Protein backbone atom coordinates (compact mmCIF):
# COMPACT_ATOMS: atom_id res chain seq x y z
CA UNK A 1 -27.70 2.32 -1.88
CA UNK A 2 -26.02 -0.97 -0.47
CA UNK A 3 -23.01 -0.45 1.69
CA UNK A 4 -20.81 -3.52 2.29
CA UNK A 5 -19.01 -4.29 5.39
CA UNK A 6 -15.57 -5.49 5.65
CA UNK A 7 -12.54 -5.07 8.26
CA UNK A 8 -8.57 -4.69 8.20
CA UNK A 9 -5.24 -3.47 9.61
CA UNK A 10 -3.94 -0.54 8.12
CA UNK A 11 0.26 -1.54 6.73
CA UNK A 12 2.17 0.96 4.49
CA UNK A 13 2.24 1.03 0.73
CA UNK A 14 6.24 0.75 1.37
CA UNK A 15 8.08 -1.16 4.13
CA UNK A 16 11.88 -0.89 3.52
CA UNK A 17 14.85 -2.49 5.67
CA UNK A 18 17.41 0.47 5.68
CA UNK A 19 21.28 -1.50 5.25
CA UNK A 20 23.94 0.49 4.93
CA UNK A 21 26.47 -0.33 1.57
CA UNK A 22 29.81 0.30 3.86
CA UNK A 23 31.33 -0.30 7.03
CA UNK A 24 31.59 1.78 10.47
CA UNK A 25 31.28 3.12 13.65
CA UNK A 26 27.76 5.12 13.59
CA UNK A 27 29.41 8.71 14.79
CA UNK A 28 26.35 10.54 14.76
CA UNK A 29 22.22 9.89 15.01
CA UNK A 30 20.14 12.41 13.63
CA UNK A 31 16.80 12.88 15.72
CA UNK A 32 14.53 11.47 12.90
CA UNK A 33 16.58 8.50 13.29
CA UNK A 34 14.48 7.75 16.45
CA UNK A 35 11.06 5.23 16.26
CA UNK A 36 7.76 6.92 15.70
CA UNK A 37 10.01 9.86 13.69
CA UNK A 38 8.91 11.26 10.46
CA UNK A 39 11.87 11.76 7.45
CA UNK A 40 12.02 13.46 4.13
CA UNK A 41 13.24 11.74 1.00
CA UNK A 42 16.95 12.75 1.00
CA UNK A 43 16.75 13.65 4.93
CA UNK A 44 20.47 12.35 6.81
CA UNK A 45 19.45 9.90 9.23
CA UNK A 46 22.86 8.64 10.63
CA UNK A 47 26.52 8.92 9.48
CA UNK A 48 29.64 6.29 9.87
CA UNK A 49 33.07 7.20 10.42
CA UNK A 50 34.39 8.61 7.43
CA UNK A 51 38.07 8.42 8.15
CA UNK A 52 38.77 5.01 6.75
CA UNK A 53 37.00 5.92 3.23
CA UNK A 54 38.79 9.81 3.41
CA UNK A 55 42.35 7.75 3.17
CA UNK A 56 41.29 5.59 0.35
CA UNK A 57 40.56 8.58 -1.67
CA UNK A 58 43.55 10.21 -1.41
CA UNK A 59 45.38 7.05 -1.73
CA UNK A 60 43.32 6.27 -4.79
CA UNK A 61 44.15 9.99 -6.19
CA UNK A 62 47.84 9.46 -5.90
CA UNK A 63 47.25 6.32 -8.34
CA UNK A 64 45.57 8.78 -10.72
CA UNK A 65 48.38 11.05 -10.72
CA UNK A 66 50.54 7.80 -11.62
CA UNK A 67 48.53 6.71 -14.17
CA UNK A 68 48.17 9.87 -15.72
CA UNK A 69 51.82 10.71 -15.60
CA UNK A 70 52.67 7.03 -17.10
CA UNK A 71 50.09 7.86 -19.92
CA UNK A 72 52.18 11.26 -20.89
CA UNK A 73 55.44 9.27 -20.83
CA UNK A 74 53.46 6.18 -23.18
CA UNK A 75 52.05 8.99 -25.53
CA UNK A 76 55.81 10.59 -25.58
CA UNK A 77 57.84 7.37 -26.62
CA UNK A 78 55.18 6.78 -29.22
CA UNK A 79 55.25 9.74 -31.10
CA UNK A 80 58.91 9.03 -31.17
CA UNK A 81 58.84 5.22 -32.08
CA UNK A 82 56.40 7.20 -35.01
CA UNK A 83 59.07 9.78 -35.76
CA UNK A 84 62.28 6.88 -35.91
CA UNK A 85 60.42 4.51 -37.98
CA UNK A 86 59.84 7.13 -40.46
CA UNK A 87 63.38 7.88 -40.90
CA UNK A 88 64.65 4.21 -40.77
CA UNK A 89 61.70 1.90 -42.11
CA UNK A 90 61.79 2.33 -45.64
CA UNK A 91 58.99 3.07 -46.27
CA UNK A 92 57.39 -0.62 -44.95
CA UNK A 93 54.73 -0.88 -42.74
CA UNK A 94 55.03 -0.34 -38.94
CA UNK A 95 53.81 -3.40 -36.46
CA UNK A 96 51.91 -2.06 -33.67
CA UNK A 97 54.66 -3.30 -31.25
CA UNK A 98 57.06 -0.91 -32.64
CA UNK A 99 55.00 2.10 -32.92
CA UNK A 100 54.10 1.20 -29.19
CA UNK A 101 50.29 1.35 -29.69
CA UNK A 102 50.03 -1.25 -27.32
CA UNK A 103 51.73 -0.14 -24.09
CA UNK A 104 49.66 3.42 -25.28
CA UNK A 105 46.12 1.66 -24.86
CA UNK A 106 47.46 -0.04 -21.56
CA UNK A 107 48.18 3.11 -20.11
CA UNK A 108 45.22 4.19 -21.21
CA UNK A 109 43.28 1.77 -19.64
CA UNK A 110 45.24 1.45 -16.49
CA UNK A 111 44.68 5.03 -16.46
CA UNK A 112 40.61 4.37 -16.35
CA UNK A 113 40.97 1.60 -14.19
CA UNK A 114 42.45 3.50 -11.31
CA UNK A 115 40.09 6.41 -12.33
CA UNK A 116 36.88 3.94 -11.79
CA UNK A 117 38.29 2.83 -8.28
CA UNK A 118 38.51 6.31 -7.41
CA UNK A 119 34.78 6.93 -8.47
CA UNK A 120 34.63 4.43 -6.55
CA UNK A 121 36.15 5.16 -3.76
CA UNK A 122 34.27 8.72 -3.79
CA UNK A 123 31.31 6.62 -3.77
CA UNK A 124 31.72 5.06 -0.47
CA UNK A 125 32.80 8.18 1.15
CA UNK A 126 29.69 9.47 0.47
CA UNK A 127 27.13 6.15 1.39
CA UNK A 128 28.90 7.05 5.09
CA UNK A 129 25.75 9.57 5.59
CA UNK A 130 22.94 7.46 5.44
CA UNK A 131 19.80 9.24 3.69
CA UNK A 132 16.08 8.86 3.46
CA UNK A 133 15.10 6.90 0.26
CA UNK A 134 12.07 8.18 0.44
CA UNK A 135 9.30 10.52 3.16
CA UNK A 136 8.68 8.33 5.44
CA UNK A 137 8.77 7.38 9.07
CA UNK A 138 10.88 5.11 11.58
CA UNK A 139 9.08 1.68 12.45
CA UNK A 140 11.79 0.00 14.22
CA UNK A 141 15.23 1.51 14.87
CA UNK A 142 17.78 -1.24 15.64
CA UNK A 143 21.61 0.87 15.69
CA UNK A 144 22.56 3.71 18.01
CA UNK A 145 25.90 5.72 18.19
CA UNK A 146 29.01 3.99 18.96
CA UNK A 147 28.26 0.47 17.31
CA UNK A 148 29.77 -0.87 14.59
CA UNK A 149 27.57 -1.95 11.42
CA UNK A 150 28.74 -4.18 8.75
CA UNK A 151 27.56 -4.44 5.18
CA UNK A 152 24.35 -5.89 5.26
CA UNK A 153 23.23 -4.81 9.09
CA UNK A 154 20.12 -3.87 9.67
CA UNK A 155 19.97 -0.48 10.64
CA UNK A 156 16.28 0.53 10.97
CA UNK A 157 12.38 -0.84 9.52
CA UNK A 158 10.94 2.71 7.97
CA UNK A 159 7.82 2.77 5.80
CA UNK A 160 6.27 5.77 3.46
CA UNK A 161 4.50 7.90 4.96
CA UNK A 162 2.19 9.02 1.35
CA UNK A 163 -0.42 6.28 1.57
CA UNK A 164 -1.79 3.53 3.92
CA UNK A 165 -3.30 0.93 2.78
CA UNK A 166 -6.18 -1.69 4.01
CA UNK A 167 -6.82 -5.54 2.75
CA UNK A 168 -10.83 -5.73 2.97
CA UNK A 169 -11.67 -9.47 2.86
CA UNK A 170 -15.12 -10.30 0.82
CA UNK A 171 -16.74 -12.82 0.57
CA UNK A 172 -18.46 -13.94 -3.20
CA UNK A 173 -21.95 -12.16 -2.27
CA UNK A 174 -20.11 -9.10 -1.29
CA UNK A 175 -18.38 -8.98 -3.82
CA UNK A 176 -21.44 -8.78 -6.77
CA UNK A 177 -22.71 -5.94 -4.84
CA UNK A 178 -19.61 -4.04 -5.76
CA UNK A 179 -18.50 -2.46 -9.49
CA UNK A 180 -15.04 -3.48 -9.51
CA UNK A 181 -13.86 -3.10 -12.73
CA UNK A 182 -11.78 -6.21 -14.31
CA UNK A 183 -8.18 -5.98 -15.29
CA UNK A 184 -6.74 -8.54 -17.95
CA UNK A 185 -3.29 -9.30 -19.33
CA UNK A 186 -2.19 -7.21 -22.14
CA UNK A 187 -5.00 -4.41 -22.03
CA UNK A 188 -4.49 -0.33 -20.86
CA UNK A 189 -3.18 -0.18 -17.42
CA UNK A 190 -5.49 2.64 -17.04
CA UNK A 191 -6.77 3.64 -13.49
CA UNK A 192 -9.99 2.82 -13.34
CA UNK A 193 -13.04 4.46 -11.48
CA UNK A 194 -13.26 2.56 -8.06
CA UNK A 195 -15.54 2.90 -5.12
CA UNK A 196 -15.20 5.17 -2.21
CA UNK A 197 -14.26 3.49 1.29
CA UNK A 198 -15.00 4.99 4.64
CA UNK A 199 -12.97 4.07 6.98
CA UNK A 200 -14.26 3.89 10.65
CA UNK A 201 -11.97 3.18 14.06
CA UNK A 202 -12.95 4.17 18.03
CA UNK A 203 -9.96 5.70 19.77
CA UNK A 204 -10.89 5.73 23.26
CA UNK A 205 -14.45 7.33 23.78
CA UNK A 206 -13.78 9.22 20.10
CA UNK A 207 -15.50 7.86 16.75
CA UNK A 208 -13.12 8.21 14.06
CA UNK A 209 -13.59 8.40 10.30
CA UNK A 210 -11.01 8.13 7.11
CA UNK A 211 -12.41 8.48 3.36
CA UNK A 212 -10.61 6.40 1.38
CA UNK A 213 -11.01 4.37 -2.31
CA UNK A 214 -10.40 1.21 -3.06
CA UNK A 215 -7.66 0.85 -5.89
CA UNK A 216 -6.92 -2.62 -6.59
CA UNK A 217 -7.76 -6.39 -5.78
CA UNK A 218 -5.44 -9.13 -4.69
CA UNK A 219 -4.38 -11.51 -7.19
CA UNK A 220 -5.18 -14.67 -5.36
CA UNK A 221 -8.21 -15.82 -2.99
CA UNK A 222 -7.27 -16.56 0.69
CA UNK A 223 -7.53 -20.59 0.79
CA UNK A 224 -8.75 -20.97 4.13
CA UNK A 225 -11.39 -18.05 4.13
CA UNK A 226 -12.17 -18.60 0.65
CA UNK A 227 -12.66 -14.92 0.69
CA UNK A 228 -11.38 -12.24 -2.72
CA UNK A 229 -9.22 -8.76 -0.47
CA UNK A 230 -10.14 -5.85 -2.39
CA UNK A 231 -7.25 -3.04 -0.68
CA UNK A 232 -8.68 0.28 0.63
CA UNK A 233 -5.93 3.54 0.09
CA UNK A 234 -6.07 6.40 2.42
CA UNK A 235 -4.13 9.59 0.64
CA UNK A 236 -1.75 11.62 3.09
CA UNK A 237 -3.31 9.93 6.27
CA UNK A 238 -0.61 11.36 8.40
CA UNK A 239 -1.13 15.07 7.74
CA UNK A 240 -2.51 17.58 10.39
CA UNK A 241 -6.13 17.99 9.54
CA UNK A 242 -8.64 21.08 10.62
CA UNK A 243 -10.20 18.88 13.03
CA UNK A 244 -6.80 17.56 14.90
CA UNK A 245 -8.43 13.91 13.99
CA UNK A 246 -5.45 11.36 15.11
CA UNK A 247 -3.92 9.78 12.45
CA UNK A 248 -4.05 6.12 11.42
CA UNK A 249 -1.55 4.20 12.74
CA UNK A 250 0.23 0.98 11.13
CA UNK A 251 -1.11 -1.83 12.86
CA UNK A 252 -4.20 -0.62 13.77
CA UNK A 253 -7.53 -2.26 13.14
CA UNK A 254 -10.70 -0.63 11.43
CA UNK A 255 -13.83 -0.67 10.48
CA UNK A 256 -14.64 -0.18 6.84
CA UNK A 257 -18.00 0.62 4.99
CA UNK A 258 -17.36 0.23 1.01
CA UNK A 259 -19.53 1.82 -1.52
CA UNK A 260 -21.67 -0.64 -3.34
CA UNK A 261 -24.12 -0.64 -6.34
CA UNK A 262 -27.41 1.25 -5.94
CA UNK A 263 -30.41 -1.24 -6.54
CA UNK A 264 -33.71 -0.25 -8.11
CA UNK A 265 -36.70 -1.52 -7.71
CA UNK A 266 -36.26 -3.57 -4.50
CA UNK A 267 -38.18 -2.95 -0.56
CA UNK A 268 -36.14 -2.07 1.97
CA UNK A 269 -37.34 -4.34 5.34
CA UNK A 270 -35.62 -3.89 8.94
CA UNK A 271 -34.49 -7.49 10.34
CA UNK A 272 -37.12 -7.74 12.81
CA UNK A 273 -39.60 -8.07 10.13
CA UNK A 274 -38.17 -11.37 8.98
CA UNK A 275 -38.94 -14.48 10.67
CA UNK A 276 -37.01 -18.03 10.63
CA UNK A 277 -34.58 -16.15 8.38
CA UNK A 278 -36.65 -15.96 5.39
CA UNK A 279 -40.08 -15.31 5.71
CA UNK A 280 -42.03 -12.44 5.97
CA UNK A 281 -45.59 -11.84 7.70
CA UNK A 282 -48.25 -10.24 5.70
CA UNK A 283 -51.78 -8.93 7.12
CA UNK A 284 -54.17 -9.86 4.54
CA UNK A 285 -57.30 -7.93 4.00
CA UNK A 286 -59.25 -10.20 5.96
CA UNK A 287 -56.97 -8.77 9.13
CA UNK A 288 -55.39 -12.35 9.20
CA UNK A 289 -51.74 -13.67 8.94
CA UNK A 290 -50.07 -14.66 5.60
CA UNK A 291 -46.86 -15.95 5.95
CA UNK A 292 -44.74 -15.80 3.18
CA UNK A 293 -41.19 -17.62 1.65
CA UNK A 294 -39.17 -14.74 0.33
CA UNK A 295 -35.38 -14.53 -1.08
CA UNK A 296 -33.21 -11.87 -0.17
CA UNK A 297 -30.97 -9.90 -2.17
CA UNK A 298 -29.04 -8.31 0.37
CA UNK A 299 -28.49 -7.87 4.38
CA UNK A 300 -26.41 -6.35 6.72
CA UNK A 301 -26.80 -5.23 10.41
CA UNK A 302 -30.30 -3.66 10.41
CA UNK A 303 -32.30 -4.09 6.91
CA UNK A 304 -32.63 -6.48 4.69
CA UNK A 305 -33.68 -5.92 0.99
CA UNK A 306 -35.83 -8.18 -1.21
CA UNK A 307 -36.63 -7.65 -5.06
CA UNK A 308 -39.74 -10.28 -4.95
CA UNK A 309 -42.02 -10.87 -2.39
CA UNK A 310 -44.04 -8.27 -1.98
CA UNK A 311 -46.29 -5.75 -3.92
CA UNK A 312 -47.05 -2.09 -3.40
CA UNK A 313 -49.87 -1.49 -1.28
CA UNK A 314 -49.38 -4.50 1.05
CA UNK A 315 -49.26 -4.30 4.70
CA UNK A 316 -45.92 -5.72 6.31
CA UNK A 317 -46.29 -6.94 10.22
CA UNK A 318 -43.09 -5.62 12.16
CA UNK A 319 -43.97 -6.91 15.69
CA UNK A 320 -42.62 -10.60 16.51
CA UNK A 321 -45.60 -12.61 16.76
CA UNK A 322 -44.61 -16.19 18.63
CA UNK A 323 -46.67 -18.60 17.37
CA UNK A 324 -47.76 -17.01 14.02
CA UNK A 325 -49.47 -19.40 11.46
CA UNK A 326 -50.94 -18.74 8.50
CA UNK A 327 -54.68 -17.35 9.19
CA UNK A 328 -53.92 -15.89 12.26
CA UNK A 329 -56.55 -13.13 13.26
CA UNK A 330 -55.42 -9.70 13.82
CA UNK A 331 -55.72 -6.28 14.55
CA UNK A 332 -53.06 -4.29 12.74
CA UNK A 333 -52.57 -0.98 13.57
CA UNK A 334 -49.58 1.64 12.17
CA UNK A 335 -49.00 4.70 14.24
CA UNK A 336 -51.34 3.73 16.92
CA UNK A 337 -54.28 3.87 14.78
CA UNK A 338 -55.70 0.55 12.96
CA UNK A 339 -55.29 -0.24 9.10
CA UNK A 340 -58.12 -2.70 8.71
CA UNK A 341 -61.43 -2.39 10.49
CA UNK A 342 -61.96 -6.19 11.27
CA UNK A 343 -62.62 -8.13 14.61
CA UNK A 344 -59.15 -10.07 15.33
CA UNK A 345 -57.97 -11.63 18.63
CA UNK A 346 -54.09 -10.51 18.95
CA UNK A 347 -52.76 -6.70 18.49
CA UNK A 348 -49.67 -6.41 16.24
């Protein structure tokens, strides 16, 4: 089983800037509106002085009432104009202006405009209550009580807490040992089965691990490192666990082990047995060293994997030999017992 190593920094999946849609003085700040505090979707974070917007609602309500009265009067005039024409029009077709149809449509339009202004005034009044757009956490608070804010003022930087993401750069050599389904334009965007990933970070003297999965690849290689990043995702990273394990923090550096392919018909060799980066020392039947060139399929910090260069039953020398040459006589031991009985000059 191949495990591919990488490293990255924890980032939120969703990060936003909280900005008011109305202007005014901040009159109330709730406890959730502090750096590091958690909040739920729809929870009120702070309130802007609503006085001006309450007055605006009252003013527009009076305008709506006036427009309703004007419409009622115009409807009465239109009915009267139609009766007058029926009595005096001698059966002719009446013009719209005579029947006051344009005046009636104008009154209706004025009422609709006044009602729209009332809706906007009430909406502005509601917007003095700053609500959380999603369940998240305050990353950086930038205003406090008593401060005047206008449209476009940054109130805070916030991020969601449903997922944490880590971008893990990998080389082409590493990518070939991971099963990442390729996505194509126009195909059904079904979520494929993606590799598991274990995230590791040392906090003080404790080694902590979190389980996640790869959810996607980035769309382009990094032009400087020539690496492609996989994006790992950890679900609900801020929930309390039975072990009271620390939560992932935004900006935290972590190491990652990505579950790769299962290799078959291969040899797993300790890295200490590799000489000159690509040679093995084989002990032949004459108790002599045989230096053999190999091609390494995979390597990590402790082992290398090869597919060719060894035969089943051969003895591999894992002891470093400073001056190893082909044909060097040796005395090979396995767990302290000789494996080949032959006279030699060097014990390994």
